[in-house]
Amino acid sequence: MNKKPNYSYVGIALIILVFGIIFIPKIIDRLSKGDIIRDESRSEDVSTAVKEDDKKSYKSDLVYIPNADGGRKKVPNFSFTNQLGQTITDKDYLGKVYVIEFFFTTCPTICPRMNRNLVEIQNEFKDFENFGVASFTITPDIDTPEVLKAYAEKYGITNPNWNLMTGNEEEIYKLANEGFYLYTAKNDEIIDGFEHSGNFALIDKEGFIRSRLKSPDNPLIYYNGIISEAEGEDDEGIPQEITILKEDIAKLLKE
């Protein structure tokens, strides 16, 4: 007696063959373009210890900040003079993870707290040659390279990639207000006549501004540089943003 062919098995085999031909190449293509990214943030033990072995395979959960045309916001071109009298540009920071701040040496209020926090971060990542800080003075007429050098010595700034920069006042204010949207202005009604943001911006190795998400559609964008890590969690039990910043620096160093 002849057995009838089992059409159900033939059909299943045909479906598998069609799926392999049509969909597997598309999945591979999406993976190669980075459209499919595994979320490692849930299982990762965030630490400032960056293992050499997993740098190539690591992908952080930090997002890019969009600019006005919908692209990724990048550090604008700049060229200023640092505390050693050297010309420093944005190109000097390529390949490095770094933090940006705007400050001035005679600031009696938030700047000392900001720079003490940055020194703490500097010390946390002292073993990483590709970590740095870019500090721009908003009183360049006062803050000459000599003044900035004395300020660096006073605060214990030792990282060779931490440049305290001075230069054209108009260019510095434009960089702050238009380049980073970190508010900076002159105000004769306040102490010393200047006011500025106390926030830090975090930059990745390719010069893009990065941050974590506060909620699915809401990036943190900037990190509060005034409140110290020692002050613990805020009223809602969320770690202070210096703690968060350290975690995110470690993530970018792995990329």
Protein backbone atom coordinates (compact mmCIF):
# COMPACT_ATOMS: atom_id res chain seq x y z
CA MET A 1 0.00 0.00 0.00
CA ASN A 2 1.41 3.38 -1.06
CA LYS A 3 1.71 6.00 1.65
CA LYS A 4 0.40 9.46 0.87
CA PRO A 5 3.02 12.19 1.27
CA ASN A 6 2.70 14.14 4.50
CA TYR A 7 1.90 17.60 3.14
CA SER A 8 1.95 19.19 6.61
CA TYR A 9 5.71 18.45 6.97
CA VAL A 10 6.36 19.70 3.47
CA GLY A 11 4.52 22.91 4.26
CA ILE A 12 6.45 23.50 7.47
CA ALA A 13 9.75 22.92 5.68
CA LEU A 14 8.72 25.36 2.95
CA ILE A 15 7.83 28.04 5.54
CA ILE A 16 11.18 27.62 7.31
CA LEU A 17 13.01 27.89 3.97
CA VAL A 18 11.14 31.09 3.00
CA PHE A 19 11.75 32.65 6.45
CA GLY A 20 15.48 31.92 6.18
CA ILE A 21 15.72 33.42 2.70
CA ILE A 22 13.72 36.58 3.44
CA PHE A 23 14.15 37.48 7.09
CA ILE A 24 17.54 36.23 8.34
CA PRO A 25 19.53 38.54 5.98
CA LYS A 26 17.40 41.48 7.19
CA ILE A 27 18.06 40.66 10.83
CA ILE A 28 21.80 40.37 10.18
CA ASP A 29 21.71 43.70 8.33
CA ARG A 30 19.91 45.43 11.21
CA LEU A 31 22.40 44.04 13.71
CA SER A 32 25.32 45.22 11.62
CA LYS A 33 23.86 48.74 11.44
CA GLY A 34 23.26 48.88 15.15
CA ASP A 35 19.46 49.11 14.84
CA ILE A 36 19.09 46.25 17.31
CA ILE A 37 20.92 46.92 20.55
CA ARG A 38 20.90 44.63 23.52
CA ASP A 39 20.02 46.49 26.71
CA GLU A 40 22.80 45.57 29.13
CA SER A 41 21.90 48.21 31.66
CA ARG A 42 19.66 45.85 33.64
CA SER A 43 22.28 43.21 34.24
CA GLU A 44 25.39 45.39 34.37
CA ASP A 45 27.20 45.98 37.64
CA VAL A 46 28.12 49.63 37.05
CA SER A 47 31.62 50.36 38.28
CA THR A 48 34.47 52.70 37.53
CA ALA A 49 36.59 49.60 36.96
CA VAL A 50 36.62 49.17 33.18
CA LYS A 51 37.77 45.77 32.00
CA GLU A 52 39.93 45.74 28.88
CA ASP A 53 38.40 42.47 27.65
CA ASP A 54 34.85 43.77 27.30
CA LYS A 55 35.48 47.23 25.84
CA LYS A 56 34.89 46.13 22.26
CA SER A 57 31.60 44.31 22.92
CA TYR A 58 30.13 46.82 25.37
CA LYS A 59 27.28 49.12 24.38
CA SER A 60 26.08 51.57 27.04
CA ASP A 61 22.50 52.70 27.52
CA LEU A 62 23.42 56.39 27.34
CA VAL A 63 21.50 58.35 24.71
CA TYR A 64 22.58 61.04 22.27
CA ILE A 65 21.14 64.52 22.71
CA PRO A 66 19.28 65.76 19.61
CA ASN A 67 20.10 69.13 18.08
CA ALA A 68 17.73 71.53 16.32
CA ASP A 69 17.69 69.61 13.02
CA GLY A 70 17.12 66.25 14.69
CA GLY A 71 20.71 65.04 14.46
CA ARG A 72 23.07 64.23 17.30
CA LYS A 73 24.31 67.26 19.21
CA LYS A 74 28.08 67.54 19.02
CA VAL A 75 30.67 69.75 20.70
CA PRO A 76 31.17 72.86 18.52
CA ASN A 77 34.62 73.74 17.27
CA PHE A 78 36.62 75.78 19.78
CA SER A 79 40.16 77.03 20.28
CA PHE A 80 41.36 78.60 23.53
CA THR A 81 44.48 78.91 25.70
CA ASN A 82 44.94 76.70 28.75
CA GLN A 83 46.66 77.23 32.10
CA LEU A 84 50.02 76.29 30.58
CA GLY A 85 49.74 78.77 27.72
CA GLN A 86 48.99 76.02 25.20
CA THR A 87 46.37 76.27 22.46
CA ILE A 88 43.66 73.67 23.07
CA THR A 89 40.93 72.81 20.57
CA ASP A 90 38.01 70.38 20.47
CA LYS A 91 40.20 68.07 18.37
CA ASP A 92 42.51 67.55 21.37
CA TYR A 93 39.64 65.77 23.15
CA LEU A 94 38.75 63.31 20.38
CA GLY A 95 39.19 59.78 21.67
CA LYS A 96 38.58 60.93 25.23
CA VAL A 97 35.58 60.92 27.53
CA TYR A 98 35.34 64.31 29.22
CA VAL A 99 33.24 66.66 31.29
CA ILE A 100 32.58 70.31 30.41
CA GLU A 101 31.97 73.19 32.82
CA PHE A 102 31.84 77.00 32.74
CA PHE A 103 33.27 78.79 35.79
CA PHE A 104 35.48 81.67 36.94
CA THR A 105 38.25 81.74 39.50
CA THR A 106 36.86 84.58 41.63
CA CYS A 107 33.42 82.97 41.93
CA PRO A 108 32.54 82.85 45.66
CA THR A 109 29.44 80.68 45.37
CA ILE A 110 28.95 77.61 43.17
CA CYS A 111 32.32 77.31 41.37
CA PRO A 112 34.31 76.04 44.37
CA ARG A 113 31.74 73.27 44.89
CA MET A 114 31.71 72.40 41.20
CA ASN A 115 35.48 72.11 41.01
CA ARG A 116 35.79 70.14 44.23
CA ASN A 117 33.34 67.67 42.73
CA LEU A 118 35.34 67.55 39.51
CA VAL A 119 38.58 66.94 41.42
CA GLU A 120 36.85 64.02 43.14
CA ILE A 121 35.85 62.67 39.72
CA GLN A 122 39.39 63.28 38.46
CA ASN A 123 40.77 61.18 41.30
CA GLU A 124 38.22 58.43 40.68
CA PHE A 125 39.45 58.05 37.09
CA LYS A 126 43.14 58.82 37.64
CA ASP A 127 44.19 55.57 35.96
CA PHE A 128 42.45 56.39 32.67
CA GLU A 129 44.53 58.32 30.15
CA ASN A 130 41.47 58.89 27.99
CA PHE A 131 39.48 60.80 30.61
CA GLY A 132 39.57 64.58 30.85
CA VAL A 133 37.83 67.82 31.81
CA ALA A 134 37.33 71.04 29.84
CA SER A 135 36.79 74.13 32.00
CA PHE A 136 36.04 77.47 30.35
CA THR A 137 36.35 80.70 32.32
CA ILE A 138 33.63 83.31 31.80
CA THR A 139 35.93 86.10 33.05
CA PRO A 140 38.82 85.77 30.58
CA ASP A 141 40.08 89.31 31.26
CA ILE A 142 40.78 88.27 34.85
CA ASP A 143 41.58 84.62 34.35
CA THR A 144 44.88 84.66 32.48
CA PRO A 145 46.85 81.42 32.00
CA GLU A 146 48.90 82.34 35.08
CA VAL A 147 45.78 82.82 37.20
CA LEU A 148 44.31 79.57 35.92
CA LYS A 149 47.52 77.71 36.69
CA ALA A 150 47.49 78.96 40.29
CA TYR A 151 43.82 77.97 40.56
CA ALA A 152 44.63 74.46 39.28
CA GLU A 153 47.37 74.08 41.87
CA LYS A 154 45.09 75.33 44.63
CA TYR A 155 42.40 72.75 43.85
CA GLY A 156 44.72 69.83 43.18
CA ILE A 157 44.06 69.59 39.46
CA THR A 158 46.61 67.06 38.19
CA ASN A 159 44.96 65.34 35.22
CA PRO A 160 46.97 66.32 32.11
CA ASN A 161 43.72 66.23 30.12
CA TRP A 162 42.07 68.82 32.38
CA ASN A 163 42.43 72.15 30.62
CA LEU A 164 41.29 75.39 32.23
CA MET A 165 40.79 77.66 29.25
CA THR A 166 40.67 81.38 28.61
CA GLY A 167 40.30 83.44 25.44
CA ASN A 168 37.90 85.69 23.61
CA GLU A 169 34.97 86.52 25.88
CA GLU A 170 32.40 86.67 23.10
CA GLU A 171 33.44 83.26 21.80
CA ILE A 172 33.28 81.72 25.28
CA TYR A 173 29.78 83.08 25.93
CA LYS A 174 28.63 81.89 22.51
CA LEU A 175 30.06 78.43 23.20
CA ALA A 176 28.21 78.29 26.53
CA ASN A 177 24.84 79.68 25.48
CA GLU A 178 24.56 78.45 21.89
CA GLY A 179 26.97 75.53 21.78
CA PHE A 180 25.87 73.79 24.97
CA TYR A 181 22.81 75.75 26.15
CA LEU A 182 24.55 76.18 29.49
CA TYR A 183 23.40 79.61 30.63
CA THR A 184 26.10 82.24 31.10
CA ALA A 185 25.60 86.00 31.44
CA LYS A 186 26.74 89.23 33.05
CA ASN A 187 24.45 90.56 35.76
CA ASP A 188 25.39 93.67 37.73
CA GLU A 189 22.72 92.91 40.33
CA ILE A 190 24.41 89.81 41.73
CA ILE A 191 27.70 89.08 43.50
CA ASP A 192 30.70 89.70 41.23
CA GLY A 193 28.39 90.59 38.32
CA PHE A 194 28.30 87.16 36.65
CA GLU A 195 25.95 84.20 36.63
CA HIS A 196 26.19 80.81 34.99
CA SER A 197 24.86 77.28 35.02
CA GLY A 198 26.14 74.90 37.66
CA ASN A 199 25.61 71.92 35.37
CA PHE A 200 28.15 69.64 33.70
CA ALA A 201 27.94 68.22 30.18
CA LEU A 202 29.28 64.73 29.46
CA ILE A 203 31.03 64.15 26.12
CA ASP A 204 31.87 60.81 24.52
CA LYS A 205 35.02 59.83 22.59
CA GLU A 206 33.58 61.07 19.29
CA GLY A 207 32.59 64.48 20.63
CA PHE A 208 28.86 63.86 21.11
CA ILE A 209 26.93 65.02 24.19
CA ARG A 210 25.51 62.00 26.02
CA SER A 211 23.36 61.33 29.08
CA ARG A 212 21.14 58.71 30.65
CA LEU A 213 17.35 58.79 30.49
CA LYS A 214 15.29 60.03 33.44
CA SER A 215 12.26 58.34 31.86
CA PRO A 216 11.72 56.55 28.54
CA ASP A 217 11.38 59.81 26.57
CA ASN A 218 13.18 62.24 28.85
CA PRO A 219 17.00 62.46 28.79
CA LEU A 220 18.80 63.94 31.77
CA ILE A 221 21.01 65.98 29.34
CA TYR A 222 23.11 67.70 32.04
CA TYR A 223 24.41 66.72 35.46
CA ASN A 224 24.05 68.93 38.54
CA GLY A 225 27.61 69.85 39.48
CA ILE A 226 26.85 71.72 42.68
CA ILE A 227 25.57 69.05 45.06
CA SER A 228 28.31 66.74 46.26
CA GLU A 229 28.17 62.95 46.32
CA ALA A 230 28.74 63.07 50.09
CA GLU A 231 25.33 64.70 50.54
CA GLY A 232 23.73 61.39 49.65
CA GLU A 233 20.39 60.85 47.96
CA ASP A 234 17.83 63.53 47.25
CA ASP A 235 14.38 63.72 48.84
CA GLU A 236 13.06 61.05 46.48
CA GLY A 237 15.87 58.61 47.23
CA ILE A 238 17.66 59.22 43.92
CA PRO A 239 21.48 59.31 44.09
CA GLN A 240 23.04 62.73 43.67
CA GLU A 241 24.07 63.45 40.11
CA ILE A 242 27.80 63.32 40.85
CA THR A 243 27.30 59.63 41.63
CA ILE A 244 25.28 59.25 38.44
CA LEU A 245 27.93 61.13 36.45
CA LYS A 246 30.66 58.79 37.68
CA GLU A 247 28.62 55.79 36.61
CA ASP A 248 28.02 57.26 33.16
CA ILE A 249 31.66 58.20 32.65
CA ALA A 250 32.55 54.56 33.37
CA LYS A 251 30.03 53.44 30.77
CA LEU A 252 31.44 55.72 28.07
CA LEU A 253 35.01 54.65 28.85
CA LYS A 254 33.94 51.09 27.99
CA GLU A 255 32.64 52.04 24.55
